Structures are given as C-alpha cells and as structure tokens.
Amino acid sequence: MLQNKLFKGFVTIGKHGFLVLNITAKQEIEEKFIATVACKAAVKAHMVLERQEVIQLLDKLLQLPNPFTCPHGRPTAIKMTRNDIEKKFSRR
C-alpha cells in the first residue's frame, strides 16, 4: 500500500503502526491561513440571520467530516440539558 508512488514521501507508518501524514511547513502555513480566513468569515455572536440562512448553514455544517469544531478546534456547538438551561436563566 505505501509502496504506491502517489503516497511516497507523504505518508509513513508511525511507531505505533498508525499512518502519519507528512506535510511541509508551507502546507502547514497554508492550512493555518485558510483556517484563520474561515474563522474571520464565520457567523459571530449577535449577528442576525434569516431563517433560511440558518437552515443553509446547518445543512452545510452537517456535511462536514467533523462538524463539531471549527478549523482551529473550537466547538461549533455545545450540549446543554434542560437543567443547564434553567440554571442559566435562574429557573432552578
């Protein structure tokens, strides 16, 4: 599998037998730049969105391989129980 010329130099086997993707410093910088641009363009707190915009964003979010974090690793959603919500609004 790793003998394939397409993957040579890009993928190695780590010490525990896992595949390791080797990326260059340039690729890492590009990924960080793209992540930053994505976060800057993201919906922020107190922004007003139309219902259709919310539906479209949620549909796109759910199509991602990992919809639970932004490119920087920050959560895109949190789980709250009814009890948690009631505590926040001083109902308990």
Protein backbone atom coordinates (compact mmCIF):
# COMPACT_ATOMS: atom_id res chain seq x y z
CA MET A 1 0.00 0.00 0.00
CA LEU A 2 2.65 2.55 0.98
CA GLN A 3 4.78 1.45 -1.95
CA ASN A 4 2.45 3.40 -4.24
CA LYS A 5 4.41 6.30 -5.80
CA LEU A 6 1.48 8.63 -5.28
CA PHE A 7 1.87 8.43 -1.49
CA LYS A 8 5.65 8.11 -1.30
CA GLY A 9 7.03 10.81 0.97
CA PHE A 10 3.59 11.94 2.09
CA VAL A 11 2.58 9.00 4.26
CA THR A 12 4.69 6.96 6.67
CA ILE A 13 3.96 4.44 9.39
CA GLY A 14 4.39 5.81 12.92
CA LYS A 15 5.92 3.96 15.83
CA HIS A 16 2.54 2.52 16.92
CA GLY A 17 1.61 1.36 13.42
CA PHE A 18 -0.62 4.31 12.58
CA LEU A 19 -0.38 6.10 9.25
CA VAL A 20 1.25 9.51 9.58
CA LEU A 21 0.63 12.24 7.01
CA ASN A 22 3.79 14.20 6.36
CA ILE A 23 3.10 17.81 5.45
CA THR A 24 5.54 20.51 4.58
CA ALA A 25 5.98 23.74 6.51
CA LYS A 26 4.40 25.56 3.54
CA GLN A 27 1.34 23.29 3.66
CA GLU A 28 1.01 23.86 7.40
CA ILE A 29 1.18 27.64 6.94
CA GLU A 30 -1.43 27.44 4.16
CA GLU A 31 -3.76 25.36 6.35
CA LYS A 32 -3.43 27.84 9.24
CA PHE A 33 -4.12 30.75 6.88
CA ILE A 34 -7.22 29.05 5.45
CA ALA A 35 -8.45 28.25 8.98
CA THR A 36 -7.99 31.88 10.00
CA VAL A 37 -9.83 33.20 6.94
CA ALA A 38 -12.67 30.74 7.60
CA CYS A 39 -12.99 31.86 11.22
CA LYS A 40 -12.90 35.56 10.31
CA ALA A 41 -15.75 34.99 7.83
CA ALA A 42 -17.78 32.93 10.29
CA VAL A 43 -21.05 33.94 11.88
CA LYS A 44 -20.36 35.77 15.14
CA ALA A 45 -22.40 36.33 18.29
CA HIS A 46 -25.24 38.85 17.98
CA MET A 47 -25.35 38.59 14.16
CA VAL A 48 -28.91 38.47 12.89
CA LEU A 49 -29.58 35.74 10.33
CA GLU A 50 -32.67 34.97 8.31
CA ARG A 51 -34.27 31.58 8.97
CA GLN A 52 -33.20 30.32 5.53
CA GLU A 53 -29.57 31.33 6.21
CA VAL A 54 -29.59 29.33 9.45
CA ILE A 55 -31.02 26.28 7.69
CA GLN A 56 -28.41 26.52 4.90
CA LEU A 57 -25.55 26.90 7.38
CA LEU A 58 -26.70 23.92 9.44
CA ASP A 59 -27.10 21.81 6.29
CA LYS A 60 -23.55 22.69 5.21
CA LEU A 61 -22.20 22.11 8.73
CA LEU A 62 -23.68 18.62 8.87
CA GLN A 63 -21.98 17.70 5.59
CA LEU A 64 -18.50 18.25 7.06
CA PRO A 65 -16.36 15.29 8.19
CA ASN A 66 -16.12 16.86 11.66
CA PRO A 67 -18.97 19.33 12.23
CA PHE A 68 -18.24 19.66 15.94
CA THR A 69 -15.25 22.02 15.79
CA CYS A 70 -14.02 24.94 13.72
CA PRO A 71 -10.69 24.60 11.85
CA HIS A 72 -8.91 25.87 15.00
CA GLY A 73 -10.54 23.23 17.19
CA ARG A 74 -13.09 25.45 18.92
CA PRO A 75 -16.54 23.90 19.41
CA THR A 76 -19.28 24.76 16.91
CA ALA A 77 -21.99 23.52 19.27
CA ILE A 78 -22.35 22.58 22.90
CA LYS A 79 -24.67 20.15 24.62
CA MET A 80 -26.92 21.58 27.31
CA THR A 81 -29.55 19.75 29.26
CA ARG A 82 -32.86 21.35 30.16
CA ASN A 83 -31.50 21.64 33.70
CA ASP A 84 -28.41 23.52 32.42
CA ILE A 85 -30.62 25.98 30.55
CA GLU A 86 -32.89 26.50 33.55
CA LYS A 87 -29.83 27.23 35.71
CA LYS A 88 -28.59 29.85 33.23
CA PHE A 89 -31.96 31.63 33.41
CA SER A 90 -32.22 31.27 37.19
CA ARG A 91 -35.21 28.97 36.98
CA ARG A 92 -33.64 26.48 39.39
